[in-house]
Amino acid sequence: MREQKYQLSLPLKGVATALLFCIFLGPVGLLYSSVLGGTVMIILGFIVVCAKFIVPIILVWLICCIWGVAATNRYNKKVLKNFL
């Protein structure tokens, strides 16, 4: 009988994917990286958009991008640590 070899695939998240989601979708895109972070930023973003100030809206968008990349890196390190 032949011996079958299986390759283990880790459920890593793509940093580029997280960044693109955050760039195009803002706080909603952050949900890919961090559900809690996405929820917080959606609420904060809603408040900022209702205030109709442009600069805070841009800041919220940038914070989402940074938070998304950081959360994805943190998730991938945690998965790799548990794997090894």
N, C-alpha and C. Protein backbone atom coordinates (compact mmCIF):
# COMPACT_ATOMS: atom_id res chain seq x y z
N MET A 1 0.83 -1.17 0.00
CA MET A 1 0.00 0.00 0.00
C MET A 1 0.89 1.25 0.00
N ARG A 2 0.46 2.27 -0.71
CA ARG A 2 1.21 3.51 -0.79
C ARG A 2 0.99 4.38 0.43
N GLU A 3 2.04 5.07 0.80
CA GLU A 3 1.92 6.01 1.92
C GLU A 3 1.49 7.36 1.36
N GLN A 4 0.45 7.91 1.91
CA GLN A 4 -0.04 9.21 1.43
C GLN A 4 0.54 10.32 2.28
N LYS A 5 0.98 11.36 1.61
CA LYS A 5 1.53 12.51 2.31
C LYS A 5 0.55 13.67 2.20
N TYR A 6 0.34 14.30 3.31
CA TYR A 6 -0.56 15.43 3.35
C TYR A 6 0.24 16.68 3.69
N GLN A 7 -0.11 17.75 3.03
CA GLN A 7 0.55 19.00 3.33
C GLN A 7 -0.41 19.87 4.14
N LEU A 8 0.07 20.38 5.24
CA LEU A 8 -0.75 21.19 6.13
C LEU A 8 -0.77 22.62 5.62
N SER A 9 -1.94 23.17 5.49
CA SER A 9 -2.10 24.55 5.04
C SER A 9 -2.54 25.41 6.21
N LEU A 10 -1.77 26.42 6.51
CA LEU A 10 -2.10 27.30 7.62
C LEU A 10 -3.10 28.37 7.18
N PRO A 11 -4.04 28.72 8.02
CA PRO A 11 -5.03 29.75 7.66
C PRO A 11 -4.48 31.15 7.91
N LEU A 12 -3.47 31.53 7.16
CA LEU A 12 -2.91 32.87 7.32
C LEU A 12 -3.74 33.89 6.54
N LYS A 13 -3.72 35.12 7.01
CA LYS A 13 -4.41 36.20 6.33
C LYS A 13 -3.38 37.01 5.56
N GLY A 14 -3.78 37.50 4.40
CA GLY A 14 -2.88 38.29 3.58
C GLY A 14 -2.82 39.74 4.04
N VAL A 15 -1.61 40.24 4.23
CA VAL A 15 -1.44 41.64 4.64
C VAL A 15 -1.88 42.57 3.52
N ALA A 16 -1.54 42.22 2.28
CA ALA A 16 -1.94 43.06 1.15
C ALA A 16 -3.46 43.07 1.00
N THR A 17 -4.09 41.94 1.24
CA THR A 17 -5.55 41.86 1.18
C THR A 17 -6.18 42.74 2.25
N ALA A 18 -5.64 42.67 3.45
CA ALA A 18 -6.15 43.50 4.55
C ALA A 18 -6.01 44.98 4.22
N LEU A 19 -4.86 45.36 3.66
CA LEU A 19 -4.64 46.76 3.32
C LEU A 19 -5.59 47.22 2.22
N LEU A 20 -5.79 46.39 1.21
CA LEU A 20 -6.71 46.76 0.13
C LEU A 20 -8.14 46.89 0.63
N PHE A 21 -8.56 45.96 1.50
CA PHE A 21 -9.89 46.07 2.09
C PHE A 21 -10.05 47.38 2.85
N CYS A 22 -9.03 47.73 3.63
CA CYS A 22 -9.10 48.96 4.43
C CYS A 22 -9.06 50.21 3.54
N ILE A 23 -8.28 50.17 2.48
CA ILE A 23 -8.20 51.33 1.59
C ILE A 23 -9.54 51.56 0.89
N PHE A 24 -10.13 50.50 0.37
CA PHE A 24 -11.36 50.67 -0.40
C PHE A 24 -12.63 50.68 0.43
N LEU A 25 -12.63 50.00 1.57
CA LEU A 25 -13.85 49.90 2.38
C LEU A 25 -13.76 50.61 3.72
N GLY A 26 -12.57 51.06 4.09
CA GLY A 26 -12.40 51.77 5.36
C GLY A 26 -12.69 50.89 6.56
N PRO A 27 -13.52 51.37 7.47
CA PRO A 27 -13.82 50.62 8.69
C PRO A 27 -14.46 49.25 8.43
N VAL A 28 -15.24 49.14 7.38
CA VAL A 28 -15.85 47.85 7.05
C VAL A 28 -14.77 46.86 6.61
N GLY A 29 -13.76 47.33 5.90
CA GLY A 29 -12.66 46.48 5.48
C GLY A 29 -11.81 46.00 6.65
N LEU A 30 -11.83 46.75 7.72
CA LEU A 30 -11.07 46.37 8.92
C LEU A 30 -11.65 45.10 9.55
N LEU A 31 -12.89 44.79 9.27
CA LEU A 31 -13.50 43.57 9.81
C LEU A 31 -12.76 42.31 9.37
N TYR A 32 -12.07 42.35 8.22
CA TYR A 32 -11.28 41.20 7.75
C TYR A 32 -10.16 40.89 8.73
N SER A 33 -9.55 41.94 9.26
CA SER A 33 -8.40 41.76 10.15
C SER A 33 -8.81 41.61 11.60
N SER A 34 -9.74 42.43 12.03
CA SER A 34 -10.12 42.47 13.43
C SER A 34 -11.60 42.81 13.56
N VAL A 35 -12.37 41.88 14.06
CA VAL A 35 -13.81 42.11 14.20
C VAL A 35 -14.07 43.22 15.23
N LEU A 36 -13.37 43.16 16.35
CA LEU A 36 -13.55 44.19 17.38
C LEU A 36 -13.10 45.55 16.85
N GLY A 37 -11.95 45.59 16.20
CA GLY A 37 -11.45 46.84 15.64
C GLY A 37 -12.38 47.40 14.58
N GLY A 38 -12.91 46.52 13.74
CA GLY A 38 -13.84 46.96 12.71
C GLY A 38 -15.11 47.53 13.30
N THR A 39 -15.61 46.89 14.33
CA THR A 39 -16.84 47.37 14.98
C THR A 39 -16.62 48.73 15.63
N VAL A 40 -15.49 48.88 16.32
CA VAL A 40 -15.18 50.15 16.97
C VAL A 40 -15.03 51.26 15.93
N MET A 41 -14.31 50.97 14.85
CA MET A 41 -14.07 52.00 13.84
C MET A 41 -15.32 52.32 13.02
N ILE A 42 -16.22 51.35 12.84
CA ILE A 42 -17.48 51.65 12.15
C ILE A 42 -18.29 52.63 12.98
N ILE A 43 -18.37 52.40 14.28
CA ILE A 43 -19.12 53.31 15.15
C ILE A 43 -18.46 54.69 15.18
N LEU A 44 -17.13 54.71 15.37
CA LEU A 44 -16.41 55.98 15.37
C LEU A 44 -16.52 56.68 14.03
N GLY A 45 -16.40 55.92 12.95
CA GLY A 45 -16.52 56.49 11.61
C GLY A 45 -17.89 57.09 11.35
N PHE A 46 -18.92 56.42 11.84
CA PHE A 46 -20.28 56.94 11.68
C PHE A 46 -20.42 58.29 12.39
N ILE A 47 -19.88 58.38 13.59
CA ILE A 47 -19.94 59.64 14.34
C ILE A 47 -19.17 60.74 13.62
N VAL A 48 -17.99 60.41 13.11
CA VAL A 48 -17.16 61.41 12.42
C VAL A 48 -17.81 61.85 11.12
N VAL A 49 -18.39 60.92 10.38
CA VAL A 49 -19.04 61.28 9.12
C VAL A 49 -20.25 62.17 9.37
N CYS A 50 -20.98 61.90 10.44
CA CYS A 50 -22.14 62.74 10.78
C CYS A 50 -21.72 64.16 11.14
N ALA A 51 -20.49 64.33 11.64
CA ALA A 51 -19.99 65.66 11.98
C ALA A 51 -19.58 66.44 10.73
N LYS A 52 -19.40 65.75 9.60
CA LYS A 52 -19.11 66.37 8.30
C LYS A 52 -17.80 67.14 8.26
N PHE A 53 -16.78 66.66 8.97
CA PHE A 53 -15.45 67.25 8.89
C PHE A 53 -14.57 66.33 8.05
N ILE A 54 -13.89 66.89 7.07
CA ILE A 54 -13.11 66.10 6.12
C ILE A 54 -11.85 65.52 6.77
N VAL A 55 -11.10 66.32 7.51
CA VAL A 55 -9.83 65.86 8.08
C VAL A 55 -10.02 64.67 9.02
N PRO A 56 -10.99 64.71 9.93
CA PRO A 56 -11.19 63.52 10.79
C PRO A 56 -11.60 62.27 10.01
N ILE A 57 -12.33 62.45 8.92
CA ILE A 57 -12.71 61.30 8.10
C ILE A 57 -11.47 60.65 7.50
N ILE A 58 -10.56 61.47 6.99
CA ILE A 58 -9.31 60.96 6.42
C ILE A 58 -8.48 60.28 7.50
N LEU A 59 -8.44 60.86 8.70
CA LEU A 59 -7.69 60.25 9.80
C LEU A 59 -8.27 58.89 10.20
N VAL A 60 -9.58 58.79 10.24
CA VAL A 60 -10.23 57.51 10.57
C VAL A 60 -9.86 56.47 9.52
N TRP A 61 -9.84 56.88 8.25
CA TRP A 61 -9.50 55.96 7.16
C TRP A 61 -8.05 55.48 7.30
N LEU A 62 -7.14 56.39 7.59
CA LEU A 62 -5.73 56.04 7.75
C LEU A 62 -5.51 55.13 8.98
N ILE A 63 -6.20 55.44 10.06
CA ILE A 63 -6.10 54.60 11.26
C ILE A 63 -6.59 53.19 10.96
N CYS A 64 -7.65 53.07 10.17
CA CYS A 64 -8.15 51.75 9.78
C CYS A 64 -7.10 50.98 8.99
N CYS A 65 -6.42 51.66 8.08
CA CYS A 65 -5.38 50.99 7.28
C CYS A 65 -4.24 50.49 8.16
N ILE A 66 -3.78 51.33 9.06
CA ILE A 66 -2.68 50.95 9.96
C ILE A 66 -3.12 49.83 10.89
N TRP A 67 -4.30 49.96 11.46
CA TRP A 67 -4.82 48.95 12.38
C TRP A 67 -5.02 47.62 11.66
N GLY A 68 -5.50 47.65 10.43
CA GLY A 68 -5.73 46.44 9.67
C GLY A 68 -4.44 45.67 9.40
N VAL A 69 -3.39 46.38 9.00
CA VAL A 69 -2.11 45.73 8.73
C VAL A 69 -1.52 45.18 10.03
N ALA A 70 -1.57 45.96 11.10
CA ALA A 70 -1.03 45.51 12.39
C ALA A 70 -1.79 44.29 12.92
N ALA A 71 -3.11 44.31 12.81
CA ALA A 71 -3.91 43.18 13.30
C ALA A 71 -3.65 41.92 12.48
N THR A 72 -3.46 42.07 11.19
CA THR A 72 -3.16 40.91 10.34
C THR A 72 -1.80 40.32 10.68
N ASN A 73 -0.80 41.18 10.87
CA ASN A 73 0.53 40.69 11.26
C ASN A 73 0.47 39.98 12.61
N ARG A 74 -0.26 40.55 13.56
CA ARG A 74 -0.39 39.95 14.88
C ARG A 74 -1.08 38.58 14.78
N TYR A 75 -2.11 38.49 13.97
CA TYR A 75 -2.83 37.23 13.78
C TYR A 75 -1.91 36.17 13.16
N ASN A 76 -1.17 36.55 12.12
CA ASN A 76 -0.28 35.60 11.45
C ASN A 76 0.83 35.12 12.39
N LYS A 77 1.38 36.01 13.21
CA LYS A 77 2.41 35.59 14.17
C LYS A 77 1.83 34.61 15.19
N LYS A 78 0.62 34.87 15.62
CA LYS A 78 -0.03 33.99 16.60
C LYS A 78 -0.27 32.60 16.00
N VAL A 79 -0.72 32.54 14.75
CA VAL A 79 -0.96 31.26 14.10
C VAL A 79 0.35 30.50 13.92
N LEU A 80 1.40 31.19 13.48
CA LEU A 80 2.69 30.53 13.28
C LEU A 80 3.30 30.06 14.59
N LYS A 81 3.12 30.84 15.65
CA LYS A 81 3.63 30.45 16.96
C LYS A 81 2.94 29.18 17.46
N ASN A 82 1.64 29.09 17.27
CA ASN A 82 0.89 27.90 17.69
C ASN A 82 1.22 26.69 16.83
N PHE A 83 1.60 26.93 15.57
CA PHE A 83 1.93 25.84 14.66
C PHE A 83 3.28 25.23 15.00
N LEU A 84 4.23 26.07 15.37
CA LEU A 84 5.59 25.58 15.66
C LEU A 84 5.67 25.18 17.08
